Protein backbone atom coordinates (compact mmCIF):
# COMPACT_ATOMS: atom_id res chain seq x y z
CA MET A 1 40.74 -138.81 -116.10
CA TYR A 2 40.33 -135.15 -117.04
CA ARG A 3 41.39 -132.44 -114.57
CA LYS A 4 40.68 -128.77 -115.27
CA LEU A 5 44.04 -127.79 -113.83
CA TYR A 6 45.71 -129.45 -116.83
CA SER A 7 45.11 -126.30 -118.89
CA ASP A 8 46.97 -124.27 -116.24
CA LEU A 9 49.88 -126.72 -116.48
CA LEU A 10 49.98 -126.19 -120.25
CA GLN A 11 50.12 -122.42 -119.75
CA TRP A 12 52.94 -122.87 -117.24
CA LYS A 13 54.89 -125.08 -119.65
CA ALA A 14 54.63 -122.52 -122.45
CA SER A 15 55.36 -119.43 -120.34
CA ASN A 16 58.61 -117.56 -120.99
CA SER A 17 58.63 -116.36 -117.38
CA ARG A 18 58.10 -119.84 -116.02
CA LYS A 19 59.52 -120.76 -112.59
CA PRO A 20 59.61 -124.17 -110.87
CA LEU A 21 56.01 -125.10 -110.11
CA ILE A 22 54.72 -126.18 -106.71
CA LEU A 23 51.49 -128.19 -106.87
CA GLN A 24 49.67 -127.99 -103.55
CA GLY A 25 46.74 -130.06 -102.31
CA ALA A 26 45.59 -132.56 -99.71
CA ARG A 27 46.71 -136.16 -99.80
CA GLN A 28 44.85 -138.34 -102.34
CA VAL A 29 43.50 -135.50 -104.52
CA GLY A 30 45.50 -136.74 -107.51
CA LYS A 31 48.68 -134.61 -107.53
CA THR A 32 51.05 -137.49 -108.33
CA TRP A 33 48.85 -138.88 -111.10
CA LEU A 34 48.42 -135.45 -112.67
CA MET A 35 52.13 -134.66 -112.67
CA LYS A 36 53.08 -138.03 -114.14
CA HIS A 37 50.31 -137.84 -116.74
CA PHE A 38 51.41 -134.35 -117.69
CA GLY A 39 55.03 -135.47 -117.98
CA LYS A 40 54.14 -138.47 -120.12
CA SER A 41 51.77 -136.53 -122.39
CA GLU A 42 53.66 -133.26 -122.89
CA PHE A 43 57.36 -134.14 -122.65
CA LYS A 44 59.82 -136.46 -124.37
CA SER A 45 60.90 -137.84 -120.97
CA CYS A 46 60.11 -137.53 -117.29
CA VAL A 47 62.23 -138.01 -114.15
CA TYR A 48 60.17 -138.72 -111.03
CA VAL A 49 61.59 -138.62 -107.50
CA ASN A 50 59.55 -139.43 -104.38
CA PHE A 51 61.32 -138.10 -101.30
CA GLU A 52 59.12 -140.19 -99.03
CA LYS A 53 59.82 -143.55 -100.72
CA ASP A 54 63.17 -143.19 -102.51
CA ALA A 55 65.82 -143.66 -99.81
CA TRP A 56 68.64 -142.42 -102.03
CA ALA A 57 66.87 -139.12 -102.68
CA SER A 58 67.40 -137.78 -99.15
CA SER A 59 71.12 -137.31 -99.87
CA LEU A 60 70.54 -135.44 -103.13
CA PHE A 61 71.18 -132.02 -101.59
CA ASP A 62 73.62 -132.96 -98.81
CA MET A 63 76.69 -131.65 -100.60
CA ASP A 64 75.40 -128.41 -102.11
CA TYR A 65 72.76 -126.90 -104.43
CA ASP A 66 74.81 -127.19 -107.61
CA VAL A 67 72.09 -127.79 -110.22
CA GLU A 68 74.35 -129.53 -112.75
CA ARG A 69 75.60 -131.98 -110.11
CA ILE A 70 72.03 -132.66 -108.95
CA LEU A 71 70.90 -133.39 -112.51
CA LEU A 72 73.81 -135.79 -113.08
CA PHE A 73 72.82 -137.55 -109.86
CA LEU A 74 69.22 -137.81 -111.07
CA GLN A 75 70.29 -139.14 -114.47
CA ALA A 76 72.39 -141.82 -112.82
CA HIS A 77 69.52 -143.09 -110.71
CA SER A 78 66.73 -142.74 -113.27
CA GLU A 79 68.76 -143.77 -116.33
CA VAL A 80 66.93 -140.98 -118.19
CA LYS A 81 68.84 -138.30 -120.06
CA ILE A 82 67.64 -134.92 -118.82
CA GLU A 83 67.23 -132.48 -121.70
CA VAL A 84 66.21 -128.86 -121.20
CA GLY A 85 62.83 -128.26 -122.84
CA GLN A 86 62.26 -131.98 -123.37
CA THR A 87 62.31 -133.41 -119.84
CA LEU A 88 60.03 -132.79 -116.87
CA VAL A 89 61.67 -133.23 -113.45
CA ILE A 90 59.20 -134.07 -110.66
CA PHE A 91 59.97 -133.85 -106.94
CA ASP A 92 57.12 -135.52 -105.03
CA GLU A 93 56.50 -135.36 -101.26
CA VAL A 94 59.17 -132.68 -101.24
CA GLN A 95 58.31 -131.62 -97.68
CA GLU A 96 60.10 -134.77 -96.43
CA VAL A 97 63.46 -133.22 -97.40
CA PRO A 98 63.46 -129.52 -96.47
CA LYS A 99 66.48 -128.83 -98.68
CA GLY A 100 64.48 -130.14 -101.63
CA LEU A 101 62.04 -127.27 -101.30
CA GLU A 102 64.87 -124.77 -100.93
CA SER A 103 66.60 -126.21 -104.02
CA LEU A 104 63.83 -124.83 -106.23
CA LYS A 105 65.34 -121.37 -105.76
CA TYR A 106 68.55 -122.56 -107.42
CA PHE A 107 66.73 -124.28 -110.27
CA CYS A 108 64.97 -120.97 -110.88
CA GLU A 109 68.17 -118.94 -110.81
CA ASP A 110 70.68 -121.31 -112.43
CA MET A 111 68.59 -123.27 -114.94
CA PRO A 112 65.27 -121.48 -115.54
CA GLN A 113 64.77 -123.23 -118.90
CA LEU A 114 64.36 -126.63 -117.20
CA HIS A 115 60.79 -127.70 -116.39
CA VAL A 116 60.63 -128.61 -112.68
CA MET A 117 57.53 -129.50 -110.67
CA ALA A 118 57.26 -130.23 -106.96
CA ALA A 119 54.39 -131.44 -104.82
CA GLY A 120 53.71 -132.45 -101.27
CA SER A 121 50.64 -133.35 -99.27
CA LEU A 122 51.91 -131.48 -96.22
CA LEU A 123 53.75 -128.57 -97.80
CA GLY A 124 51.65 -126.07 -95.88
CA ILE A 125 52.64 -127.74 -92.63
CA ALA A 126 56.33 -127.76 -93.56
CA ILE A 127 56.30 -124.07 -94.44
CA HIS A 128 54.69 -123.09 -91.14
CA GLU A 129 57.22 -125.17 -89.24
CA GLY A 130 60.03 -122.95 -90.47
CA VAL A 131 61.24 -124.70 -93.62
CA SER A 132 62.90 -122.14 -95.89
CA PHE A 133 60.46 -121.31 -98.69
CA PRO A 134 61.75 -119.98 -102.05
CA VAL A 135 59.65 -116.82 -102.02
CA GLY A 136 59.38 -115.26 -105.47
CA LYS A 137 61.24 -118.16 -107.07
CA VAL A 138 58.30 -120.54 -107.69
CA ASP A 139 54.89 -120.66 -109.31
CA ILE A 140 52.10 -122.20 -107.23
CA LEU A 141 48.90 -124.03 -108.18
CA THR A 142 46.44 -125.84 -105.92
CA LEU A 143 44.69 -129.08 -106.82
CA TYR A 144 41.39 -129.84 -105.08
CA PRO A 145 39.23 -132.97 -105.22
CA MET A 146 37.46 -133.48 -108.54
CA SER A 147 34.64 -131.03 -109.17
CA PHE A 148 31.14 -132.06 -110.23
CA SER A 149 31.93 -131.40 -113.90
CA GLU A 150 35.11 -133.50 -113.67
CA PHE A 151 33.00 -136.25 -112.09
CA LEU A 152 30.55 -136.04 -115.00
CA LEU A 153 33.38 -136.28 -117.53
CA ALA A 154 34.75 -139.35 -115.74
CA LEU A 155 31.29 -140.91 -116.18
CA GLY A 156 31.34 -140.11 -119.91
CA GLU A 157 28.71 -137.36 -119.63
CA LYS A 158 30.45 -134.92 -122.00
CA GLU A 159 27.16 -133.59 -123.40
CA LYS A 160 25.91 -132.65 -119.96
CA VAL A 161 29.11 -130.77 -119.15
CA ALA A 162 28.89 -128.97 -122.50
CA LEU A 163 25.32 -127.97 -121.63
CA LEU A 164 26.40 -126.58 -118.26
CA GLU A 165 29.22 -124.64 -119.93
CA SER A 166 26.83 -123.20 -122.54
CA LYS A 167 24.45 -121.89 -119.85
CA ARG A 168 21.45 -122.83 -121.96
CA TRP A 169 19.05 -122.58 -119.05
CA ASP A 170 15.97 -123.32 -121.16
CA VAL A 171 17.37 -126.73 -122.14
CA LEU A 172 18.94 -127.40 -118.75
CA ASN A 173 15.65 -126.77 -116.97
CA ILE A 174 14.03 -129.53 -119.02
CA LEU A 175 16.82 -132.02 -118.27
CA LEU A 176 17.17 -131.09 -114.60
CA PRO A 177 15.90 -134.43 -113.17
CA SER A 178 18.77 -136.34 -114.81
CA PHE A 179 21.28 -133.83 -113.44
CA GLU A 180 19.79 -134.17 -109.96
CA GLU A 181 20.32 -137.93 -109.99
CA LEU A 182 23.97 -137.46 -110.94
CA LEU A 183 24.36 -134.75 -108.33
CA ARG A 184 23.17 -137.08 -105.57
CA GLN A 185 25.66 -139.68 -106.79
CA TYR A 186 28.40 -137.08 -106.47
CA TYR A 187 27.21 -136.23 -102.96
CA PHE A 188 27.98 -139.83 -101.99
CA VAL A 189 31.09 -140.51 -104.08
CA GLY A 190 32.68 -137.09 -103.76
CA GLY A 191 35.69 -135.99 -105.77
CA MET A 192 38.58 -138.12 -104.52
CA PRO A 193 39.98 -139.68 -107.74
CA GLU A 194 40.26 -143.20 -106.32
CA ALA A 195 36.62 -143.16 -105.22
CA VAL A 196 35.50 -141.73 -108.57
CA SER A 197 37.49 -144.35 -110.52
CA SER A 198 35.97 -147.12 -108.44
CA PHE A 199 32.46 -145.78 -109.00
CA VAL A 200 33.01 -145.53 -112.76
CA ALA A 201 34.38 -149.08 -112.92
CA GLU A 202 32.14 -151.00 -110.52
CA LYS A 203 29.38 -148.85 -108.98
CA ASN A 204 30.08 -150.71 -105.73
CA LEU A 205 28.98 -148.26 -103.03
CA LYS A 206 30.34 -150.38 -100.19
CA LYS A 207 33.80 -150.36 -101.79
CA ILE A 208 33.64 -146.59 -102.28
CA ARG A 209 32.86 -146.09 -98.61
CA GLN A 210 35.86 -148.27 -97.74
CA ILE A 211 38.08 -146.12 -99.97
CA GLN A 212 36.82 -143.01 -98.19
CA GLN A 213 37.48 -144.58 -94.80
CA ASN A 214 41.01 -145.42 -95.91
CA ILE A 215 41.62 -141.82 -96.96
CA LEU A 216 40.39 -140.51 -93.61
CA SER A 217 42.67 -143.05 -91.91
CA ALA A 218 45.59 -141.77 -93.99
CA TYR A 219 44.80 -138.24 -92.82
CA ARG A 220 44.79 -139.39 -89.20
CA ASN A 221 48.09 -141.18 -89.74
CA ASP A 222 49.57 -137.93 -91.08
CA VAL A 223 48.34 -136.19 -87.94
CA SER A 224 49.98 -138.80 -85.71
CA LYS A 225 53.22 -138.76 -87.68
CA HIS A 226 53.72 -135.06 -88.38
CA ALA A 227 51.74 -132.99 -85.88
CA PRO A 228 53.17 -131.98 -82.49
CA LYS A 229 52.32 -134.72 -80.01
CA ASN A 230 50.32 -132.41 -77.74
CA ASP A 231 48.18 -131.22 -80.66
CA VAL A 232 47.24 -134.65 -82.05
CA PRO A 233 44.18 -135.19 -79.78
CA ARG A 234 42.94 -131.65 -80.49
CA ILE A 235 43.34 -132.05 -84.26
CA ASN A 236 41.31 -135.27 -84.18
CA MET A 237 38.65 -133.62 -82.02
CA VAL A 238 38.28 -130.78 -84.52
CA LEU A 239 38.10 -133.21 -87.46
CA ASP A 240 35.51 -135.40 -85.76
CA SER A 241 33.38 -132.38 -84.82
CA ILE A 242 32.87 -131.09 -88.36
CA PRO A 243 29.67 -133.09 -89.12
CA SER A 244 27.98 -131.90 -85.93
CA GLN A 245 29.23 -128.32 -86.36
CA LEU A 246 27.69 -128.18 -89.85
CA ALA A 247 24.43 -129.68 -88.60
CA LYS A 248 23.66 -126.57 -86.53
CA GLU A 249 21.32 -123.98 -87.96
CA ASN A 250 24.09 -121.42 -87.57
CA LYS A 251 27.09 -123.25 -88.98
CA LYS A 252 29.68 -120.96 -87.41
CA PHE A 253 32.37 -123.03 -85.73
CA VAL A 254 31.83 -123.11 -81.95
CA TYR A 255 34.75 -124.12 -79.75
CA GLY A 256 32.40 -125.04 -76.93
CA SER A 257 31.01 -127.86 -79.07
CA LEU A 258 34.38 -129.63 -78.85
CA LYS A 259 34.31 -129.86 -75.09
CA LYS A 260 32.87 -127.91 -72.19
CA GLY A 261 34.77 -124.68 -71.63
CA ALA A 262 36.93 -125.00 -74.75
CA ARG A 263 38.63 -121.79 -75.89
CA ALA A 264 40.15 -120.61 -79.15
CA LYS A 265 43.72 -120.61 -77.81
CA GLU A 266 43.45 -124.36 -77.15
CA PHE A 267 42.35 -125.32 -80.66
CA GLU A 268 43.43 -122.61 -83.11
CA LEU A 269 46.73 -124.38 -83.89
CA ALA A 270 44.87 -127.67 -84.41
CA ILE A 271 42.51 -125.99 -86.87
CA GLN A 272 45.40 -124.33 -88.70
CA TRP A 273 47.14 -127.70 -89.04
CA LEU A 274 44.09 -129.16 -90.80
CA VAL A 275 43.83 -126.08 -93.04
CA ASP A 276 47.52 -126.21 -93.96
CA ALA A 277 47.21 -129.92 -94.76
CA GLY A 278 44.31 -129.14 -97.11
CA ILE A 279 41.99 -131.45 -95.17
CA VAL A 280 39.52 -128.71 -94.24
CA LEU A 281 38.33 -125.50 -95.88
CA LYS A 282 38.10 -122.49 -93.58
CA ILE A 283 35.73 -119.70 -94.59
CA HIS A 284 35.67 -116.51 -92.51
CA MET A 285 32.82 -114.11 -91.97
CA ALA A 286 32.88 -110.70 -93.65
CA SER A 287 31.10 -108.05 -91.60
CA LYS A 288 30.18 -105.87 -94.58
CA PRO A 289 29.48 -106.67 -98.27
CA SER A 290 31.91 -104.12 -99.70
CA ILE A 291 34.97 -104.35 -101.95
CA PRO A 292 37.44 -105.63 -100.95
CA LEU A 293 35.84 -108.18 -98.64
CA LYS A 294 39.25 -108.92 -97.10
CA VAL A 295 39.10 -105.57 -95.31
CA TYR A 296 35.95 -106.69 -93.46
CA GLU A 297 37.15 -110.20 -92.60
CA ASP A 298 36.34 -111.35 -89.05
CA PHE A 299 39.07 -113.79 -87.99
CA GLY A 300 37.11 -114.84 -84.94
CA ALA A 301 34.08 -116.11 -86.86
CA PHE A 302 34.40 -118.89 -89.42
CA LYS A 303 32.96 -122.11 -90.81
CA LEU A 304 34.90 -125.32 -91.35
CA PHE A 305 34.11 -127.69 -94.22
CA LEU A 306 35.76 -130.98 -95.06
CA CYS A 307 37.64 -130.75 -98.37
CA ASP A 308 35.32 -133.32 -99.99
CA CYS A 309 31.58 -133.95 -99.59
CA GLY A 310 32.08 -137.71 -100.03
CA LEU A 311 34.50 -137.76 -97.10
CA LEU A 312 31.99 -135.71 -95.09
CA GLY A 313 29.33 -138.39 -95.62
CA CYS A 314 31.81 -141.05 -94.57
CA LEU A 315 32.87 -139.13 -91.46
CA ALA A 316 29.21 -138.53 -90.57
CA GLU A 317 28.40 -142.22 -91.20
CA ALA A 318 25.51 -141.16 -93.44
CA PRO A 319 23.73 -144.22 -94.92
CA GLN A 320 24.06 -144.40 -98.69
CA ALA A 321 20.32 -144.75 -99.25
CA LEU A 322 19.65 -141.41 -97.57
CA VAL A 323 22.40 -139.56 -99.43
CA LEU A 324 21.35 -140.89 -102.83
CA THR A 325 17.62 -140.20 -102.47
CA SER A 326 15.39 -137.30 -101.52
CA ASN A 327 14.25 -138.30 -98.04
CA ASP A 328 12.67 -136.25 -95.27
CA ILE A 329 14.51 -138.30 -92.62
CA PHE A 330 17.78 -136.89 -93.92
CA LYS A 331 16.37 -133.47 -94.71
CA GLU A 332 17.91 -131.54 -91.81
CA TYR A 333 21.46 -132.71 -92.45
CA LYS A 334 21.11 -132.53 -96.22
CA GLY A 335 21.33 -128.75 -95.88
CA ALA A 336 24.79 -129.06 -94.33
CA TYR A 337 25.75 -131.63 -96.95
CA THR A 338 24.67 -129.34 -99.78
CA GLU A 339 26.46 -126.33 -98.34
CA SER A 340 29.62 -128.43 -98.09
CA PHE A 341 29.22 -129.41 -101.75
CA VAL A 342 28.91 -125.76 -102.77
CA ALA A 343 31.97 -124.75 -100.72
CA GLN A 344 33.95 -127.49 -102.46
CA GLN A 345 32.92 -126.32 -105.94
CA LEU A 346 33.56 -122.65 -105.16
CA LYS A 347 37.07 -123.42 -103.91
CA CYS A 348 37.88 -125.01 -107.27
CA ASN A 349 37.45 -121.55 -108.82
CA GLN A 350 40.62 -119.86 -107.64
CA ASN A 351 39.47 -116.47 -108.96
CA LEU A 352 36.83 -116.17 -106.23
CA HIS A 353 37.25 -114.77 -102.73
CA ILE A 354 34.84 -116.66 -100.47
CA TYR A 355 33.35 -115.54 -97.16
CA TYR A 356 29.98 -115.66 -95.42
CA TRP A 357 27.88 -113.00 -93.72
CA SER A 358 25.78 -113.00 -90.56
CA LYS A 359 23.80 -110.44 -88.57
CA SER A 360 23.09 -111.95 -85.16
CA ASP A 361 20.59 -109.36 -83.97
CA SER A 362 18.26 -110.09 -86.90
CA LYS A 363 19.00 -113.84 -87.19
CA CYS A 364 19.87 -113.20 -90.82
CA GLU A 365 22.68 -115.23 -92.39
CA ILE A 366 24.01 -115.50 -95.93
CA ASP A 367 25.65 -118.87 -96.60
CA PHE A 368 28.39 -117.45 -98.82
CA LEU A 369 29.49 -113.93 -99.68
CA ILE A 370 31.63 -113.95 -102.82
CA GLN A 371 33.89 -111.35 -104.35
CA SER A 372 34.12 -111.93 -108.10
CA GLY A 373 36.05 -109.14 -109.77
CA VAL A 374 34.46 -105.90 -108.57
CA ARG A 375 31.15 -107.54 -107.65
CA VAL A 376 29.99 -108.82 -104.27
CA ILE A 377 27.48 -111.66 -104.54
CA PRO A 378 25.41 -112.98 -101.62
CA VAL A 379 24.71 -116.70 -102.11
CA GLU A 380 21.97 -118.72 -100.46
CA VAL A 381 22.08 -122.54 -100.61
CA LYS A 382 18.98 -124.71 -100.50
CA ALA A 383 19.18 -128.51 -100.46
CA GLU A 384 15.86 -129.19 -102.16
CA ASP A 385 13.26 -127.27 -104.17
CA ASN A 386 11.67 -125.70 -101.08
CA VAL A 387 13.30 -122.28 -101.20
CA HIS A 388 11.33 -120.34 -98.60
CA SER A 389 13.77 -118.17 -96.66
CA LYS A 390 13.82 -114.55 -95.57
CA SER A 391 17.58 -114.08 -95.27
CA LEU A 392 18.50 -113.47 -98.92
CA SER A 393 15.41 -111.31 -99.51
CA THR A 394 16.11 -109.24 -96.40
CA PHE A 395 19.76 -108.84 -97.38
CA CYS A 396 19.10 -107.76 -100.99
CA ASN A 397 15.84 -105.83 -100.60
CA THR A 398 16.12 -104.27 -97.14
CA LEU A 399 19.65 -104.20 -95.73
CA TYR A 400 21.68 -103.73 -98.94
CA PRO A 401 19.35 -102.75 -101.79
CA GLY A 402 21.11 -102.75 -105.14
CA ILE A 403 23.12 -105.92 -104.47
CA LYS A 404 21.79 -108.78 -106.57
CA GLY A 405 21.83 -112.23 -104.96
CA VAL A 406 22.19 -115.81 -106.10
CA ARG A 407 20.23 -118.77 -104.81
CA LEU A 408 21.39 -122.32 -105.47
CA SER A 409 18.70 -124.98 -105.21
CA MET A 410 17.10 -127.93 -106.94
CA LYS A 411 14.70 -125.56 -108.70
CA PRO A 412 15.17 -124.56 -112.37
CA TYR A 413 16.93 -121.37 -113.40
CA VAL A 414 14.86 -118.23 -112.92
CA GLU A 415 15.82 -114.56 -112.79
CA GLN A 416 14.16 -111.87 -110.74
CA SER A 417 15.08 -108.22 -110.26
CA TRP A 418 16.92 -108.90 -106.98
CA MET A 419 18.01 -112.53 -107.38
CA GLN A 420 18.93 -115.32 -109.78
CA ASN A 421 18.10 -118.93 -108.90
CA TYR A 422 20.58 -121.41 -110.39
CA PRO A 423 20.27 -125.21 -110.23
CA LEU A 424 22.82 -126.65 -107.80
CA CYS A 425 24.39 -128.71 -110.57
CA SER A 426 25.51 -125.50 -112.31
CA VAL A 427 27.38 -123.89 -109.40
CA GLU A 428 30.76 -124.12 -111.20
CA TYR A 429 29.46 -121.90 -113.99
CA CYS A 430 27.50 -119.28 -112.06
CA PHE A 431 30.38 -116.97 -111.25
CA ASP A 432 32.52 -116.98 -114.40
């Protein structure tokens, strides 16, 4: 199964200034598989340690952080000779042993030639709970659920991905109906590797939904196990509210939708827990479309998206027939579904800074406001081929003339003086 992040791993392996690598990401996005696959494919040998499952591993750092002693200990348990430059050492679920995370500092300082990778589904949580983090001593990459192009490659659609990469809009416009069918399949399946593998192998939609339910259950189990007891109900309330929050015309997160009289101070820690765990994507509002957008970030206004559109459909209990077909009954919520899909694809591009923009007095809202290099790009998302909307036109032609917008819809590619319309299937390649 191809993952785009593999090329980043190759660059890390070859770098002369390489440090131990931390691979971040939510549970079930494929971190363990990717690390093991990378170790098997690119190294003579691989030593894998899971601090959640391997009971012996918890004592690895009890005595000290002597790297040579630690490696001898690992060799004894794995029966694999560890050779610098030839062996990849993997520490998985490293947040379970706080000293394991801290040990990366000593690997960096005392044996920088050794290739060391670490991962953990709840690393963000561990760091915010006060675990010592080796600042400046590690490289960090984030793995998200599979993107639409990775989904296509898993299905064997290499030619379609090549077409998207080439940006041959004249050819793509002709073939758009076939892309739309695959896009709707992705809406349902999403990008969780287990769900994608099942779809490729069996096309059993009921089984895929069960896989998604199991993943959501695993997230809830993490909440129960790791979150402060008083925050567990609030975290689950926030998670359960996401489908209804996104169904509103203005998708800004509203605390009052959780319960009557709810306030930010009651739920902000619960939201941060879900963000740190990688379960939700939090996108803040920027009050002004100027570089850098970070300067105009409004921390009190934000949208929450689930990390995967397939999990969103499962959480919303959306019937498969309505997700997989164009249907007016599902039309209102399909807008939220499509915006969630776009947020997921944009997050996979770690070179983008993603916000949204809203002007309450004119009821004008831009779904996403993106900083790409020195350019600010307002992005409007449309679920179908009906693209009538005043917001993007007002933004580009009246409020901020000179800024060129992007619209993502089911319509073919077209360019106008103030806006480019891209097919939704091409979102990964619109902001290169």
